Amino acid sequence: MSVAPREVSVLPRPARSDLELIERVDRSLEVLQGKWKVHLLFYMARGVHRHSRLLACLPGVSKKVMTDSLRVLERDGLVHREIFPEVPVRVEYSLTKLGWSVTEPLVALAEWGEAHSQEVVEARTRARLGTTAAA
């Protein structure tokens, strides 16, 4: 009795350039990861802001969480924090050149989201209902 050879499906290996591109995207997204970082970057793109003004722009965020987010953005070089020796102490935040450089890709991503949001909603509805995708 002979056994028929089994077909083996071989997936193509990703090209090195693809893996490098994916790694660069992952590193970029890591900088922006966090619920409030993108919000803070957009608000600071409108100018220099004091801590209390930024906090007022983010209803629902605690002072500690916002401060932690600002510190991480500062650590990563996207935000500049300036402390003024006044009573009470005044702290202002602004975007660095690196921070400004990320605003254009964020605006492009927002535009993509607006242009394709209906398609995403429809795809999610089809998936939820178990129907096939439209061509």
C-alpha atoms as a PDB file:
ATOM      1  CA  MET A   1       0.000   0.000   0.000  1.00  0.00           C
ATOM      2  CA  SER A   2       1.515   3.306  -1.035  1.00  0.00           C
ATOM      3  CA  VAL A   3       0.898   6.647   0.626  1.00  0.00           C
ATOM      4  CA  ALA A   4       0.455   9.721  -1.531  1.00  0.00           C
ATOM      5  CA  PRO A   5       2.952  12.463  -0.820  1.00  0.00           C
ATOM      6  CA  ARG A   6       1.504  15.195   1.330  1.00  0.00           C
ATOM      7  CA  GLU A   7       1.440  18.700  -0.088  1.00  0.00           C
ATOM      8  CA  VAL A   8       3.331  21.131   2.038  1.00  0.00           C
ATOM      9  CA  SER A   9       2.353  24.729   1.841  1.00  0.00           C
ATOM     10  CA  VAL A  10       5.377  26.975   2.165  1.00  0.00           C
ATOM     11  CA  LEU A  11       4.823  30.589   3.000  1.00  0.00           C
ATOM     12  CA  PRO A  12       7.313  32.949   1.415  1.00  0.00           C
ATOM     13  CA  ARG A  13       9.800  34.431   3.842  1.00  0.00           C
ATOM     14  CA  PRO A  14       9.464  38.161   4.255  1.00  0.00           C
ATOM     15  CA  ALA A  15      12.191  40.095   2.522  1.00  0.00           C
ATOM     16  CA  ARG A  16      14.817  41.655   4.744  1.00  0.00           C
ATOM     17  CA  SER A  17      13.722  45.103   3.571  1.00  0.00           C
ATOM     18  CA  ASP A  18      10.144  44.322   4.665  1.00  0.00           C
ATOM     19  CA  LEU A  19      11.309  43.242   8.107  1.00  0.00           C
ATOM     20  CA  GLU A  20      13.409  46.380   8.453  1.00  0.00           C
ATOM     21  CA  LEU A  21      10.463  48.541   7.408  1.00  0.00           C
ATOM     22  CA  ILE A  22       8.175  46.791   9.903  1.00  0.00           C
ATOM     23  CA  GLU A  23      10.764  47.271  12.644  1.00  0.00           C
ATOM     24  CA  ARG A  24      11.025  50.993  11.857  1.00  0.00           C
ATOM     25  CA  VAL A  25       7.222  51.350  11.952  1.00  0.00           C
ATOM     26  CA  ASP A  26       7.091  49.494  15.276  1.00  0.00           C
ATOM     27  CA  ARG A  27       9.747  51.796  16.760  1.00  0.00           C
ATOM     28  CA  SER A  28       7.860  54.849  15.507  1.00  0.00           C
ATOM     29  CA  LEU A  29       4.534  53.670  16.902  1.00  0.00           C
ATOM     30  CA  GLU A  30       6.210  52.897  20.239  1.00  0.00           C
ATOM     31  CA  VAL A  31       7.060  56.591  20.590  1.00  0.00           C
ATOM     32  CA  LEU A  32       3.373  57.478  20.132  1.00  0.00           C
ATOM     33  CA  GLN A  33       1.933  54.611  22.166  1.00  0.00           C
ATOM     34  CA  GLY A  34      -0.201  55.743  25.064  1.00  0.00           C
ATOM     35  CA  LYS A  35      -3.661  57.151  25.365  1.00  0.00           C
ATOM     36  CA  TRP A  36      -2.714  60.828  25.665  1.00  0.00           C
ATOM     37  CA  LYS A  37       0.543  61.312  23.730  1.00  0.00           C
ATOM     38  CA  VAL A  38      -1.036  62.082  20.355  1.00  0.00           C
ATOM     39  CA  HIS A  39      -3.536  64.414  22.030  1.00  0.00           C
ATOM     40  CA  LEU A  40      -0.704  66.293  23.724  1.00  0.00           C
ATOM     41  CA  LEU A  41       1.289  66.571  20.505  1.00  0.00           C
ATOM     42  CA  PHE A  42      -1.687  68.045  18.648  1.00  0.00           C
ATOM     43  CA  TYR A  43      -2.458  70.548  21.414  1.00  0.00           C
ATOM     44  CA  MET A  44       1.184  71.606  21.655  1.00  0.00           C
ATOM     45  CA  ALA A  45       1.281  72.070  17.878  1.00  0.00           C
ATOM     46  CA  ARG A  46      -1.034  74.997  18.543  1.00  0.00           C
ATOM     47  CA  GLY A  47       1.700  76.681  20.596  1.00  0.00           C
ATOM     48  CA  VAL A  48       3.500  76.687  23.928  1.00  0.00           C
ATOM     49  CA  HIS A  49       1.308  75.522  26.759  1.00  0.00           C
ATOM     50  CA  ARG A  50       1.376  75.617  30.493  1.00  0.00           C
ATOM     51  CA  HIS A  51       0.721  72.412  32.371  1.00  0.00           C
ATOM     52  CA  SER A  52      -2.689  73.552  33.630  1.00  0.00           C
ATOM     53  CA  ARG A  53      -3.827  74.563  30.139  1.00  0.00           C
ATOM     54  CA  LEU A  54      -2.871  71.171  28.696  1.00  0.00           C
ATOM     55  CA  LEU A  55      -4.654  69.441  31.566  1.00  0.00           C
ATOM     56  CA  ALA A  56      -7.803  71.428  30.798  1.00  0.00           C
ATOM     57  CA  CYS A  57      -7.665  70.232  27.174  1.00  0.00           C
ATOM     58  CA  LEU A  58      -7.759  66.582  28.261  1.00  0.00           C
ATOM     59  CA  PRO A  59     -10.912  65.935  30.248  1.00  0.00           C
ATOM     60  CA  GLY A  60     -10.708  62.638  32.067  1.00  0.00           C
ATOM     61  CA  VAL A  61      -6.930  62.478  32.384  1.00  0.00           C
ATOM     62  CA  SER A  62      -5.352  62.727  35.818  1.00  0.00           C
ATOM     63  CA  LYS A  63      -2.578  65.219  36.490  1.00  0.00           C
ATOM     64  CA  LYS A  64      -0.142  62.349  37.168  1.00  0.00           C
ATOM     65  CA  VAL A  65      -0.939  60.474  33.943  1.00  0.00           C
ATOM     66  CA  MET A  66      -0.570  63.637  31.868  1.00  0.00           C
ATOM     67  CA  THR A  67       2.687  64.537  33.605  1.00  0.00           C
ATOM     68  CA  ASP A  68       4.023  61.024  32.993  1.00  0.00           C
ATOM     69  CA  SER A  69       3.055  61.269  29.306  1.00  0.00           C
ATOM     70  CA  LEU A  70       4.749  64.667  28.988  1.00  0.00           C
ATOM     71  CA  ARG A  71       7.901  63.346  30.658  1.00  0.00           C
ATOM     72  CA  VAL A  72       8.080  60.400  28.254  1.00  0.00           C
ATOM     73  CA  LEU A  73       7.587  62.721  25.274  1.00  0.00           C
ATOM     74  CA  GLU A  74      10.336  64.921  26.712  1.00  0.00           C
ATOM     75  CA  ARG A  75      12.613  61.901  27.244  1.00  0.00           C
ATOM     76  CA  ASP A  76      12.065  60.855  23.626  1.00  0.00           C
ATOM     77  CA  GLY A  77      12.955  64.353  22.410  1.00  0.00           C
ATOM     78  CA  LEU A  78       9.527  65.387  21.097  1.00  0.00           C
ATOM     79  CA  VAL A  79       8.728  67.923  23.816  1.00  0.00           C
ATOM     80  CA  HIS A  80      10.702  70.694  25.467  1.00  0.00           C
ATOM     81  CA  ARG A  81       9.902  71.624  29.071  1.00  0.00           C
ATOM     82  CA  GLU A  82      10.955  75.029  30.317  1.00  0.00           C
ATOM     83  CA  ILE A  83      10.803  75.897  34.000  1.00  0.00           C
ATOM     84  CA  PHE A  84      10.631  79.562  34.972  1.00  0.00           C
ATOM     85  CA  PRO A  85      11.959  80.491  38.424  1.00  0.00           C
ATOM     86  CA  GLU A  86       8.878  82.393  39.531  1.00  0.00           C
ATOM     87  CA  VAL A  87       6.562  82.104  42.483  1.00  0.00           C
ATOM     88  CA  PRO A  88       4.623  80.036  41.830  1.00  0.00           C
ATOM     89  CA  VAL A  89       6.873  78.134  39.452  1.00  0.00           C
ATOM     90  CA  ARG A  90       5.736  78.329  35.849  1.00  0.00           C
ATOM     91  CA  VAL A  91       6.344  75.389  33.501  1.00  0.00           C
ATOM     92  CA  GLU A  92       5.737  75.587  29.763  1.00  0.00           C
ATOM     93  CA  TYR A  93       5.783  72.811  27.197  1.00  0.00           C
ATOM     94  CA  SER A  94       6.439  73.084  23.481  1.00  0.00           C
ATOM     95  CA  LEU A  95       7.268  70.813  20.586  1.00  0.00           C
ATOM     96  CA  THR A  96      10.882  70.354  19.596  1.00  0.00           C
ATOM     97  CA  LYS A  97      11.975  70.121  15.976  1.00  0.00           C
ATOM     98  CA  LEU A  98      11.597  66.347  16.321  1.00  0.00           C
ATOM     99  CA  GLY A  99       8.112  66.809  17.793  1.00  0.00           C
ATOM    100  CA  TRP A 100       7.107  69.008  14.877  1.00  0.00           C
ATOM    101  CA  SER A 101       8.392  66.386  12.447  1.00  0.00           C
ATOM    102  CA  VAL A 102       5.850  63.826  13.664  1.00  0.00           C
ATOM    103  CA  THR A 103       2.837  66.117  13.182  1.00  0.00           C
ATOM    104  CA  GLU A 104       2.754  65.701   9.392  1.00  0.00           C
ATOM    105  CA  PRO A 105       2.532  61.873   9.516  1.00  0.00           C
ATOM    106  CA  LEU A 106      -0.135  62.169  12.226  1.00  0.00           C
ATOM    107  CA  VAL A 107      -2.206  64.512  10.058  1.00  0.00           C
ATOM    108  CA  ALA A 108      -1.799  62.095   7.124  1.00  0.00           C
ATOM    109  CA  LEU A 109      -2.983  59.235   9.341  1.00  0.00           C
ATOM    110  CA  ALA A 110      -5.988  61.293  10.443  1.00  0.00           C
ATOM    111  CA  GLU A 111      -6.837  62.021   6.808  1.00  0.00           C
ATOM    112  CA  TRP A 112      -6.563  58.308   5.964  1.00  0.00           C
ATOM    113  CA  GLY A 113      -8.889  57.540   8.861  1.00  0.00           C
ATOM    114  CA  GLU A 114     -11.457  60.031   7.646  1.00  0.00           C
ATOM    115  CA  ALA A 115     -11.246  58.818   4.042  1.00  0.00           C
ATOM    116  CA  HIS A 116     -11.611  55.141   4.980  1.00  0.00           C
ATOM    117  CA  SER A 117     -13.638  55.125   8.196  1.00  0.00           C
ATOM    118  CA  GLN A 118     -16.837  54.015   6.455  1.00  0.00           C
ATOM    119  CA  GLU A 119     -15.032  51.119   4.779  1.00  0.00           C
ATOM    120  CA  VAL A 120     -13.682  49.999   8.152  1.00  0.00           C
ATOM    121  CA  VAL A 121     -17.137  50.221   9.746  1.00  0.00           C
ATOM    122  CA  GLU A 122     -18.606  48.156   6.900  1.00  0.00           C
ATOM    123  CA  ALA A 123     -15.843  45.532   7.147  1.00  0.00           C
ATOM    124  CA  ARG A 124     -16.368  45.242  10.902  1.00  0.00           C
ATOM    125  CA  THR A 125     -20.109  44.861  10.379  1.00  0.00           C
ATOM    126  CA  ARG A 126     -19.542  42.106   7.806  1.00  0.00           C
ATOM    127  CA  ALA A 127     -17.149  40.340  10.164  1.00  0.00           C
ATOM    128  CA  ARG A 128     -19.600  40.592  13.045  1.00  0.00           C
ATOM    129  CA  LEU A 129     -22.424  39.210  10.873  1.00  0.00           C
ATOM    130  CA  GLY A 130     -20.197  36.545   9.308  1.00  0.00           C
ATOM    131  CA  THR A 131     -20.818  37.682   5.751  1.00  0.00           C
ATOM    132  CA  THR A 132     -18.236  37.761   2.974  1.00  0.00           C
ATOM    133  CA  ALA A 133     -16.367  40.865   1.945  1.00  0.00           C
ATOM    134  CA  ALA A 134     -17.666  42.994  -0.887  1.00  0.00           C
ATOM    135  CA  ALA A 135     -15.477  43.059  -3.990  1.00  0.00           C
END
